Amino acid sequence: MTSFTTGSAKTYDSTVRDFIDSKHQHLAEILHDYDDTLSVEFIPSLERTDDDAKPFRIVQTPRDGRDKYVVRYLSAHEMDDPQQVLLWIWEGDFRKHNPDAIFNRLEAKRIAAELLKEKGEADERAERVDLMANLASGGRDHEDWFRHNGQTFRR
C-alpha cells in the first residue's frame, strides 16, 4: 500500500485508489485491535454505483478458513460517529460480556425515557391546572381578564 497524507484529514491509499478519512482509518485499526478477524472495507468512489449508499462495510474473516462475511454495511454518516459503531460491535460480542447486562442497560434506558416523558406530561398538566385556577379566580388582580403567554383570557 502506498499512501501519502494531504493535511490532517485524509490519506490517499493506493490499494483502493481513493482518499480515506483519518477517523475511518483509526476505526479500522481499533476494530482490528479489538478482534483481529474484523476489518473495515471501503468501496472507492470510482467503483461505486448509484445503489451504493453505504460504501463502508465491516467484514469478519473466521479463523477456521470459512469465507468472510459482512457484519454490517455503514454509510459515511454512520462512519462519522465511530463511537456508536464500536458500541454496536461491543454490544453484539457476547464472548466478552453477559447479554443480560445489555438487556438491563437497554431496559433502564427505556424506563428513564418513560419517566422523563411522564414528568413532562405531569408538568404540563400542573401548568394547565394552575392556569385554569388563575382564570377562575380572576388572576392576581381579580380582574375580569387574565393574560398568559401573550394571550388575554376573559371570563
Protein backbone atom coordinates (compact mmCIF):
# COMPACT_ATOMS: atom_id res chain seq x y z
CA MET A 1 0.00 0.00 0.00
CA THR A 2 1.36 3.38 -0.96
CA SER A 3 -0.11 6.26 0.96
CA PHE A 4 0.52 9.92 1.46
CA THR A 5 -1.20 12.46 3.65
CA THR A 6 -2.91 15.59 2.35
CA GLY A 7 -3.19 17.59 5.52
CA SER A 8 -4.55 16.06 8.70
CA ALA A 9 -7.95 14.94 7.48
CA LYS A 10 -7.44 12.48 4.61
CA THR A 11 -4.86 9.98 3.42
CA TYR A 12 -4.51 8.64 -0.11
CA ASP A 13 -4.48 4.85 -0.20
CA SER A 14 -3.19 3.33 -3.42
CA THR A 15 -4.86 -0.05 -2.80
CA VAL A 16 -8.34 1.47 -3.02
CA ARG A 17 -7.24 4.42 -5.21
CA ASP A 18 -9.09 6.93 -3.08
CA PHE A 19 -8.71 9.28 -0.14
CA ILE A 20 -9.59 7.80 3.25
CA ASP A 21 -10.57 9.90 6.24
CA SER A 22 -8.22 9.51 9.20
CA LYS A 23 -11.21 8.84 11.50
CA HIS A 24 -12.18 5.88 9.36
CA GLN A 25 -8.61 4.62 9.35
CA HIS A 26 -8.45 4.87 13.16
CA LEU A 27 -11.75 2.99 13.47
CA ALA A 28 -10.39 0.20 11.28
CA GLU A 29 -7.25 -0.03 13.45
CA ILE A 30 -9.27 -0.09 16.69
CA LEU A 31 -11.58 -2.79 15.32
CA HIS A 32 -8.62 -4.89 14.25
CA ASP A 33 -7.01 -4.46 17.70
CA TYR A 34 -10.28 -5.44 19.38
CA ASP A 35 -10.77 -8.53 17.21
CA ASP A 36 -8.23 -9.40 14.53
CA THR A 37 -10.91 -11.15 12.46
CA LEU A 38 -12.72 -7.83 11.90
CA SER A 39 -11.80 -5.36 9.20
CA VAL A 40 -13.30 -2.30 7.56
CA GLU A 41 -13.63 -2.33 3.78
CA PHE A 42 -14.33 0.66 1.59
CA ILE A 43 -15.84 0.89 -1.90
CA PRO A 44 -13.82 3.56 -3.74
CA SER A 45 -15.83 6.41 -5.23
CA LEU A 46 -14.81 5.43 -8.78
CA GLU A 47 -16.23 1.91 -8.35
CA ARG A 48 -19.50 2.88 -6.66
CA THR A 49 -22.86 2.67 -8.34
CA ASP A 50 -25.91 4.78 -7.55
CA ASP A 51 -27.15 1.95 -5.30
CA ASP A 52 -24.07 2.10 -3.05
CA ALA A 53 -25.50 4.37 -0.33
CA LYS A 54 -23.34 2.61 2.25
CA PRO A 55 -19.78 2.49 0.90
CA PHE A 56 -18.27 1.04 4.09
CA ARG A 57 -18.67 -2.43 5.50
CA ILE A 58 -17.37 -4.31 8.49
CA VAL A 59 -16.20 -7.76 7.43
CA GLN A 60 -15.33 -10.74 9.61
CA THR A 61 -12.93 -13.42 8.40
CA PRO A 62 -13.34 -16.57 10.53
CA ARG A 63 -10.16 -18.25 11.75
CA ASP A 64 -11.39 -21.70 10.67
CA GLY A 65 -10.94 -20.88 6.98
CA ARG A 66 -14.59 -20.29 6.10
CA ASP A 67 -15.45 -17.48 3.71
CA LYS A 68 -15.51 -13.98 5.10
CA TYR A 69 -18.89 -12.35 5.59
CA VAL A 70 -20.27 -8.85 6.01
CA VAL A 71 -21.20 -7.98 9.58
CA ARG A 72 -22.66 -4.56 8.80
CA TYR A 73 -22.87 -2.01 5.99
CA LEU A 74 -22.21 1.60 7.01
CA SER A 75 -22.88 4.96 5.41
CA ALA A 76 -20.39 7.82 5.54
CA HIS A 77 -22.67 9.49 8.10
CA GLU A 78 -22.54 6.43 10.36
CA MET A 79 -18.74 6.28 9.98
CA ASP A 80 -18.52 9.87 11.22
CA ASP A 81 -19.53 8.57 14.66
CA PRO A 82 -17.01 5.79 15.32
CA GLN A 83 -18.03 5.60 18.98
CA GLN A 84 -21.51 4.36 18.00
CA VAL A 85 -20.01 1.80 15.60
CA LEU A 86 -17.70 0.48 18.32
CA LEU A 87 -20.59 0.41 20.80
CA TRP A 88 -22.64 -1.61 18.31
CA ILE A 89 -19.78 -4.10 17.85
CA TRP A 90 -19.19 -4.37 21.60
CA GLU A 91 -22.86 -4.89 22.43
CA GLY A 92 -23.06 -7.69 19.87
CA ASP A 93 -19.97 -9.52 21.17
CA PHE A 94 -21.33 -11.97 23.77
CA ARG A 95 -17.92 -13.60 24.24
CA LYS A 96 -16.73 -10.51 26.09
CA HIS A 97 -19.74 -9.75 28.31
CA ASN A 98 -23.07 -11.02 29.58
CA PRO A 99 -26.07 -10.45 27.26
CA ASP A 100 -28.26 -9.82 30.33
CA ALA A 101 -26.19 -6.75 31.15
CA ILE A 102 -27.01 -5.25 27.75
CA PHE A 103 -30.70 -6.05 28.17
CA ASN A 104 -30.70 -4.48 31.65
CA ARG A 105 -28.99 -1.33 30.34
CA LEU A 106 -31.47 -1.04 27.45
CA GLU A 107 -34.36 -1.59 29.85
CA ALA A 108 -33.01 1.09 32.19
CA LYS A 109 -32.66 3.48 29.24
CA ARG A 110 -36.28 2.79 28.20
CA ILE A 111 -37.54 3.31 31.77
CA ALA A 112 -35.59 6.56 32.07
CA ALA A 113 -37.12 7.82 28.81
CA GLU A 114 -40.60 6.89 30.05
CA LEU A 115 -40.02 8.67 33.37
CA LEU A 116 -38.85 11.83 31.59
CA LYS A 117 -41.89 11.73 29.31
CA GLU A 118 -44.27 11.19 32.25
CA LYS A 119 -42.63 14.03 34.22
CA GLY A 120 -43.02 16.37 31.24
CA GLU A 121 -46.69 15.44 30.89
CA ALA A 122 -47.24 15.92 34.64
CA ASP A 123 -45.63 19.37 34.48
CA GLU A 124 -47.87 20.34 31.55
CA ARG A 125 -50.96 19.12 33.45
CA ALA A 126 -49.93 21.09 36.56
CA GLU A 127 -49.38 24.21 34.44
CA ARG A 128 -52.82 23.82 32.84
CA VAL A 129 -54.46 23.34 36.27
CA ASP A 130 -52.66 26.42 37.57
CA LEU A 131 -53.78 28.43 34.53
CA MET A 132 -57.39 27.31 34.96
CA ALA A 133 -57.29 28.17 38.69
CA ASN A 134 -55.94 31.62 37.88
CA LEU A 135 -58.57 32.10 35.19
CA ALA A 136 -61.37 31.06 37.55
CA SER A 137 -60.17 33.36 40.34
CA GLY A 138 -59.59 36.34 38.07
CA GLY A 139 -55.79 36.25 38.27
CA ARG A 140 -53.61 38.19 40.70
CA ASP A 141 -55.62 41.39 40.42
CA HIS A 142 -59.01 39.63 40.49
CA GLU A 143 -59.99 41.34 37.25
CA ASP A 144 -62.39 40.01 34.63
CA TRP A 145 -59.46 39.21 32.37
CA PHE A 146 -56.20 37.28 32.61
CA ARG A 147 -53.07 37.44 30.43
CA HIS A 148 -50.94 34.32 29.82
CA ASN A 149 -48.20 33.80 27.19
CA GLY A 150 -49.26 36.95 25.35
CA GLN A 151 -52.92 35.93 25.16
CA THR A 152 -55.72 37.68 27.00
CA PHE A 153 -58.39 35.47 28.52
CA ARG A 154 -61.74 36.91 29.67
CA ARG A 155 -64.31 35.33 31.98
